[in-house]
Amino acid sequence: MAVKRSIPLAAMEKILKSTGAERVSDGAKAELKSTIEAIAEEIAANAIKLASHAGRKTIKASDIKLATK
């Protein structure tokens, strides 16, 4: 059984501020978190398919790179 991990909201604020935002609402942090997690899950699922197709159980960086294309 897989445990669902979550990206901290503080990390979302850090990303937004590092790209120039002066202030960040809680709603903006939550929305960015939700969007990033959805994209990450899609990339992970595609990377798993690529590794499986190659006959591997281990996900490699190259699988992630290919899954993002």
PDB file of N, CA and C in Angstrom:
ATOM      1  N   MET A   1       0.847  -1.184   0.000  1.00  0.00           N
ATOM      2  CA  MET A   1       0.000   0.000   0.000  1.00  0.00           C
ATOM      3  C   MET A   1       0.889   1.243   0.000  1.00  0.00           C
ATOM      4  N   ALA A   2       0.692   2.089  -0.968  1.00  0.00           N
ATOM      5  CA  ALA A   2       1.523   3.290  -1.113  1.00  0.00           C
ATOM      6  C   ALA A   2       1.006   4.407  -0.218  1.00  0.00           C
ATOM      7  N   VAL A   3       1.937   5.124   0.381  1.00  0.00           N
ATOM      8  CA  VAL A   3       1.595   6.278   1.202  1.00  0.00           C
ATOM      9  C   VAL A   3       1.682   7.512   0.322  1.00  0.00           C
ATOM     10  N   LYS A   4       0.607   8.291   0.306  1.00  0.00           N
ATOM     11  CA  LYS A   4       0.596   9.502  -0.524  1.00  0.00           C
ATOM     12  C   LYS A   4       1.399  10.591   0.172  1.00  0.00           C
ATOM     13  N   ARG A   5       2.435  11.040  -0.485  1.00  0.00           N
ATOM     14  CA  ARG A   5       3.266  12.129   0.023  1.00  0.00           C
ATOM     15  C   ARG A   5       2.728  13.440  -0.503  1.00  0.00           C
ATOM     16  N   SER A   6       3.004  14.484   0.228  1.00  0.00           N
ATOM     17  CA  SER A   6       2.495  15.784  -0.159  1.00  0.00           C
ATOM     18  C   SER A   6       3.627  16.806  -0.151  1.00  0.00           C
ATOM     19  N   ILE A   7       3.611  17.686  -1.125  1.00  0.00           N
ATOM     20  CA  ILE A   7       4.604  18.764  -1.191  1.00  0.00           C
ATOM     21  C   ILE A   7       4.165  19.844  -0.201  1.00  0.00           C
ATOM     22  N   PRO A   8       5.053  20.310   0.652  1.00  0.00           N
ATOM     23  CA  PRO A   8       4.681  21.329   1.642  1.00  0.00           C
ATOM     24  C   PRO A   8       4.288  22.659   0.993  1.00  0.00           C
ATOM     25  N   LEU A   9       3.304  23.332   1.599  1.00  0.00           N
ATOM     26  CA  LEU A   9       2.876  24.636   1.107  1.00  0.00           C
ATOM     27  C   LEU A   9       4.010  25.656   1.188  1.00  0.00           C
ATOM     28  N   ALA A  10       4.888  25.505   2.177  1.00  0.00           N
ATOM     29  CA  ALA A  10       6.021  26.424   2.310  1.00  0.00           C
ATOM     30  C   ALA A  10       6.907  26.370   1.069  1.00  0.00           C
ATOM     31  N   ALA A  11       7.027  25.188   0.471  1.00  0.00           N
ATOM     32  CA  ALA A  11       7.829  25.051  -0.745  1.00  0.00           C
ATOM     33  C   ALA A  11       7.184  25.806  -1.902  1.00  0.00           C
ATOM     34  N   MET A  12       5.847  25.805  -1.932  1.00  0.00           N
ATOM     35  CA  MET A  12       5.135  26.532  -2.992  1.00  0.00           C
ATOM     36  C   MET A  12       5.363  28.040  -2.846  1.00  0.00           C
ATOM     37  N   GLU A  13       5.313  28.510  -1.602  1.00  0.00           N
ATOM     38  CA  GLU A  13       5.562  29.931  -1.355  1.00  0.00           C
ATOM     39  C   GLU A  13       6.982  30.301  -1.756  1.00  0.00           C
ATOM     40  N   LYS A  14       7.921  29.436  -1.442  1.00  0.00           N
ATOM     41  CA  LYS A  14       9.321  29.683  -1.790  1.00  0.00           C
ATOM     42  C   LYS A  14       9.493  29.786  -3.309  1.00  0.00           C
ATOM     43  N   ILE A  15       8.859  28.897  -4.047  1.00  0.00           N
ATOM     44  CA  ILE A  15       8.941  28.922  -5.509  1.00  0.00           C
ATOM     45  C   ILE A  15       8.350  30.227  -6.048  1.00  0.00           C
ATOM     46  N   LEU A  16       7.172  30.573  -5.570  1.00  0.00           N
ATOM     47  CA  LEU A  16       6.511  31.785  -6.051  1.00  0.00           C
ATOM     48  C   LEU A  16       7.321  33.041  -5.724  1.00  0.00           C
ATOM     49  N   LYS A  17       7.858  33.093  -4.508  1.00  0.00           N
ATOM     50  CA  LYS A  17       8.643  34.269  -4.123  1.00  0.00           C
ATOM     51  C   LYS A  17       9.972  34.327  -4.879  1.00  0.00           C
ATOM     52  N   SER A  18      10.562  33.175  -5.144  1.00  0.00           N
ATOM     53  CA  SER A  18      11.844  33.169  -5.855  1.00  0.00           C
ATOM     54  C   SER A  18      11.695  33.613  -7.307  1.00  0.00           C
ATOM     55  N   THR A  19      10.454  33.568  -7.808  1.00  0.00           N
ATOM     56  CA  THR A  19      10.214  34.018  -9.182  1.00  0.00           C
ATOM     57  C   THR A  19       9.650  35.431  -9.239  1.00  0.00           C
ATOM     58  N   GLY A  20       9.619  36.103  -8.083  1.00  0.00           N
ATOM     59  CA  GLY A  20       9.286  37.521  -8.084  1.00  0.00           C
ATOM     60  C   GLY A  20       8.041  37.958  -7.339  1.00  0.00           C
ATOM     61  N   ALA A  21       7.257  37.027  -6.803  1.00  0.00           N
ATOM     62  CA  ALA A  21       6.047  37.417  -6.070  1.00  0.00           C
ATOM     63  C   ALA A  21       6.435  38.059  -4.740  1.00  0.00           C
ATOM     64  N   GLU A  22       5.799  39.180  -4.431  1.00  0.00           N
ATOM     65  CA  GLU A  22       6.059  39.828  -3.148  1.00  0.00           C
ATOM     66  C   GLU A  22       5.251  39.181  -2.035  1.00  0.00           C
ATOM     67  N   ARG A  23       3.973  38.915  -2.329  1.00  0.00           N
ATOM     68  CA  ARG A  23       3.094  38.284  -1.360  1.00  0.00           C
ATOM     69  C   ARG A  23       2.359  37.146  -2.058  1.00  0.00           C
ATOM     70  N   VAL A  24       2.037  36.098  -1.283  1.00  0.00           N
ATOM     71  CA  VAL A  24       1.389  34.919  -1.863  1.00  0.00           C
ATOM     72  C   VAL A  24       0.225  34.501  -0.966  1.00  0.00           C
ATOM     73  N   SER A  25      -0.955  34.379  -1.530  1.00  0.00           N
ATOM     74  CA  SER A  25      -2.116  33.953  -0.746  1.00  0.00           C
ATOM     75  C   SER A  25      -2.064  32.442  -0.495  1.00  0.00           C
ATOM     76  N   ASP A  26      -2.777  32.018   0.546  1.00  0.00           N
ATOM     77  CA  ASP A  26      -2.846  30.586   0.842  1.00  0.00           C
ATOM     78  C   ASP A  26      -3.498  29.837  -0.311  1.00  0.00           C
ATOM     79  N   GLY A  27      -4.482  30.467  -0.952  1.00  0.00           N
ATOM     80  CA  GLY A  27      -5.144  29.834  -2.092  1.00  0.00           C
ATOM     81  C   GLY A  27      -4.207  29.612  -3.258  1.00  0.00           C
ATOM     82  N   ALA A  28      -3.320  30.586  -3.498  1.00  0.00           N
ATOM     83  CA  ALA A  28      -2.349  30.452  -4.585  1.00  0.00           C
ATOM     84  C   ALA A  28      -1.372  29.319  -4.302  1.00  0.00           C
ATOM     85  N   LYS A  29      -0.929  29.225  -3.057  1.00  0.00           N
ATOM     86  CA  LYS A  29      -0.010  28.139  -2.674  1.00  0.00           C
ATOM     87  C   LYS A  29      -0.677  26.783  -2.854  1.00  0.00           C
ATOM     88  N   ALA A  30      -1.931  26.684  -2.417  1.00  0.00           N
ATOM     89  CA  ALA A  30      -2.665  25.419  -2.519  1.00  0.00           C
ATOM     90  C   ALA A  30      -2.906  25.035  -3.972  1.00  0.00           C
ATOM     91  N   GLU A  31      -3.234  26.004  -4.810  1.00  0.00           N
ATOM     92  CA  GLU A  31      -3.492  25.719  -6.229  1.00  0.00           C
ATOM     93  C   GLU A  31      -2.219  25.283  -6.944  1.00  0.00           C
ATOM     94  N   LEU A  32      -1.103  25.956  -6.662  1.00  0.00           N
ATOM     95  CA  LEU A  32       0.176  25.561  -7.276  1.00  0.00           C
ATOM     96  C   LEU A  32       0.554  24.156  -6.838  1.00  0.00           C
ATOM     97  N   LYS A  33       0.371  23.872  -5.552  1.00  0.00           N
ATOM     98  CA  LYS A  33       0.675  22.539  -5.015  1.00  0.00           C
ATOM     99  C   LYS A  33      -0.148  21.473  -5.726  1.00  0.00           C
ATOM    100  N   SER A  34      -1.449  21.708  -5.856  1.00  0.00           N
ATOM    101  CA  SER A  34      -2.331  20.751  -6.501  1.00  0.00           C
ATOM    102  C   SER A  34      -1.926  20.509  -7.956  1.00  0.00           C
ATOM    103  N   THR A  35      -1.613  21.583  -8.657  1.00  0.00           N
ATOM    104  CA  THR A  35      -1.217  21.489 -10.063  1.00  0.00           C
ATOM    105  C   THR A  35       0.096  20.736 -10.224  1.00  0.00           C
ATOM    106  N   ILE A  36       1.080  21.080  -9.407  1.00  0.00           N
ATOM    107  CA  ILE A  36       2.388  20.417  -9.496  1.00  0.00           C
ATOM    108  C   ILE A  36       2.278  18.938  -9.161  1.00  0.00           C
ATOM    109  N   GLU A  37       1.492  18.605  -8.134  1.00  0.00           N
ATOM    110  CA  GLU A  37       1.332  17.195  -7.766  1.00  0.00           C
ATOM    111  C   GLU A  37       0.645  16.403  -8.873  1.00  0.00           C
ATOM    112  N   ALA A  38      -0.348  16.992  -9.524  1.00  0.00           N
ATOM    113  CA  ALA A  38      -1.037  16.299 -10.622  1.00  0.00           C
ATOM    114  C   ALA A  38      -0.090  16.049 -11.786  1.00  0.00           C
ATOM    115  N   ILE A  39       0.708  17.051 -12.123  1.00  0.00           N
ATOM    116  CA  ILE A  39       1.683  16.904 -13.212  1.00  0.00           C
ATOM    117  C   ILE A  39       2.730  15.856 -12.841  1.00  0.00           C
ATOM    118  N   ALA A  40       3.194  15.890 -11.594  1.00  0.00           N
ATOM    119  CA  ALA A  40       4.214  14.934 -11.143  1.00  0.00           C
ATOM    120  C   ALA A  40       3.689  13.498 -11.182  1.00  0.00           C
ATOM    121  N   GLU A  41       2.429  13.304 -10.800  1.00  0.00           N
ATOM    122  CA  GLU A  41       1.848  11.961 -10.838  1.00  0.00           C
ATOM    123  C   GLU A  41       1.747  11.445 -12.267  1.00  0.00           C
ATOM    124  N   GLU A  42       1.393  12.319 -13.188  1.00  0.00           N
ATOM    125  CA  GLU A  42       1.306  11.923 -14.599  1.00  0.00           C
ATOM    126  C   GLU A  42       2.687  11.548 -15.144  1.00  0.00           C
ATOM    127  N   ILE A  43       3.688  12.341 -14.827  1.00  0.00           N
ATOM    128  CA  ILE A  43       5.060  12.058 -15.260  1.00  0.00           C
ATOM    129  C   ILE A  43       5.532  10.744 -14.657  1.00  0.00           C
ATOM    130  N   ALA A  44       5.258  10.535 -13.378  1.00  0.00           N
ATOM    131  CA  ALA A  44       5.679   9.299 -12.700  1.00  0.00           C
ATOM    132  C   ALA A  44       5.032   8.078 -13.344  1.00  0.00           C
ATOM    133  N   ALA A  45       3.746   8.168 -13.644  1.00  0.00           N
ATOM    134  CA  ALA A  45       3.044   7.039 -14.263  1.00  0.00           C
ATOM    135  C   ALA A  45       3.645   6.719 -15.631  1.00  0.00           C
ATOM    136  N   ASN A  46       3.940   7.751 -16.405  1.00  0.00           N
ATOM    137  CA  ASN A  46       4.562   7.529 -17.718  1.00  0.00           C
ATOM    138  C   ASN A  46       5.961   6.955 -17.579  1.00  0.00           C
ATOM    139  N   ALA A  47       6.721   7.407 -16.595  1.00  0.00           N
ATOM    140  CA  ALA A  47       8.075   6.887 -16.367  1.00  0.00           C
ATOM    141  C   ALA A  47       8.033   5.419 -15.967  1.00  0.00           C
ATOM    142  N   ILE A  48       7.042   5.048 -15.164  1.00  0.00           N
ATOM    143  CA  ILE A  48       6.888   3.642 -14.765  1.00  0.00           C
ATOM    144  C   ILE A  48       6.603   2.780 -15.991  1.00  0.00           C
ATOM    145  N   LYS A  49       5.742   3.253 -16.883  1.00  0.00           N
ATOM    146  CA  LYS A  49       5.449   2.514 -18.117  1.00  0.00           C
ATOM    147  C   LYS A  49       6.701   2.346 -18.967  1.00  0.00           C
ATOM    148  N   LEU A  50       7.516   3.406 -19.058  1.00  0.00           N
ATOM    149  CA  LEU A  50       8.748   3.332 -19.861  1.00  0.00           C
ATOM    150  C   LEU A  50       9.737   2.324 -19.270  1.00  0.00           C
ATOM    151  N   ALA A  51       9.897   2.340 -17.966  1.00  0.00           N
ATOM    152  CA  ALA A  51      10.822   1.401 -17.318  1.00  0.00           C
ATOM    153  C   ALA A  51      10.318  -0.031 -17.483  1.00  0.00           C
ATOM    154  N   SER A  52       9.032  -0.215 -17.313  1.00  0.00           N
ATOM    155  CA  SER A  52       8.438  -1.546 -17.462  1.00  0.00           C
ATOM    156  C   SER A  52       8.622  -2.064 -18.880  1.00  0.00           C
ATOM    157  N   HIS A  53       8.393  -1.197 -19.854  1.00  0.00           N
ATOM    158  CA  HIS A  53       8.567  -1.574 -21.261  1.00  0.00           C
ATOM    159  C   HIS A  53      10.020  -1.985 -21.537  1.00  0.00           C
ATOM    160  N   ALA A  54      10.957  -1.354 -20.829  1.00  0.00           N
ATOM    161  CA  ALA A  54      12.376  -1.684 -20.996  1.00  0.00           C
ATOM    162  C   ALA A  54      12.778  -2.902 -20.161  1.00  0.00           C
ATOM    163  N   GLY A  55      11.820  -3.491 -19.439  1.00  0.00           N
ATOM    164  CA  GLY A  55      12.104  -4.682 -18.637  1.00  0.00           C
ATOM    165  C   GLY A  55      12.769  -4.368 -17.308  1.00  0.00           C
ATOM    166  N   ARG A  56      12.597  -3.150 -16.824  1.00  0.00           N
ATOM    167  CA  ARG A  56      13.200  -2.753 -15.549  1.00  0.00           C
ATOM    168  C   ARG A  56      12.139  -2.434 -14.517  1.00  0.00           C
ATOM    169  N   LYS A  57      12.482  -2.644 -13.241  1.00  0.00           N
ATOM    170  CA  LYS A  57      11.639  -2.225 -12.132  1.00  0.00           C
ATOM    171  C   LYS A  57      12.102  -0.874 -11.604  1.00  0.00           C
ATOM    172  N   THR A  58      13.348  -0.535 -11.885  1.00  0.00           N
ATOM    173  CA  THR A  58      13.937   0.709 -11.387  1.00  0.00           C
ATOM    174  C   THR A  58      13.656   1.854 -12.356  1.00  0.00           C
ATOM    175  N   ILE A  59      13.131   2.943 -11.808  1.00  0.00           N
ATOM    176  CA  ILE A  59      12.893   4.144 -12.604  1.00  0.00           C
ATOM    177  C   ILE A  59      14.192   4.939 -12.644  1.00  0.00           C
ATOM    178  N   LYS A  60      14.639   5.287 -13.833  1.00  0.00           N
ATOM    179  CA  LYS A  60      15.880   6.046 -13.994  1.00  0.00           C
ATOM    180  C   LYS A  60      15.565   7.490 -14.399  1.00  0.00           C
ATOM    181  N   ALA A  61      16.562   8.337 -14.241  1.00  0.00           N
ATOM    182  CA  ALA A  61      16.412   9.742 -14.628  1.00  0.00           C
ATOM    183  C   ALA A  61      16.015   9.856 -16.096  1.00  0.00           C
ATOM    184  N   SER A  62      16.535   8.987 -16.919  1.00  0.00           N
ATOM    185  CA  SER A  62      16.207   9.027 -18.349  1.00  0.00           C
ATOM    186  C   SER A  62      14.728   8.725 -18.587  1.00  0.00           C
ATOM    187  N   ASP A  63      14.124   7.884 -17.738  1.00  0.00           N
ATOM    188  CA  ASP A  63      12.686   7.602 -17.853  1.00  0.00           C
ATOM    189  C   ASP A  63      11.888   8.871 -17.549  1.00  0.00           C
ATOM    190  N   ILE A  64      12.303   9.593 -16.533  1.00  0.00           N
ATOM    191  CA  ILE A  64      11.628  10.837 -16.157  1.00  0.00           C
ATOM    192  C   ILE A  64      11.745  11.848 -17.297  1.00  0.00           C
ATOM    193  N   LYS A  65      12.956  11.963 -17.844  1.00  0.00           N
ATOM    194  CA  LYS A  65      13.167  12.911 -18.952  1.00  0.00           C
ATOM    195  C   LYS A  65      12.289  12.565 -20.146  1.00  0.00           C
ATOM    196  N   LEU A  66      12.220  11.293 -20.495  1.00  0.00           N
ATOM    197  CA  LEU A  66      11.391  10.871 -21.626  1.00  0.00           C
ATOM    198  C   LEU A  66       9.905  11.075 -21.322  1.00  0.00           C
ATOM    199  N   ALA A  67       9.508  10.842 -20.087  1.00  0.00           N
ATOM    200  CA  ALA A  67       8.107  10.966 -19.696  1.00  0.00           C
ATOM    201  C   ALA A  67       7.625  12.416 -19.742  1.00  0.00           C
ATOM    202  N   THR A  68       8.542  13.346 -19.667  1.00  0.00           N
ATOM    203  CA  THR A  68       8.147  14.763 -19.689  1.00  0.00           C
ATOM    204  C   THR A  68       7.949  15.281 -21.109  1.00  0.00           C
ATOM    205  N   LYS A  69       8.352  14.521 -22.092  1.00  0.00           N
ATOM    206  CA  LYS A  69       8.223  14.962 -23.489  1.00  0.00           C
ATOM    207  C   LYS A  69       6.858  14.640 -24.037  1.00  0.00           C
TER     208      LYS A  69
END
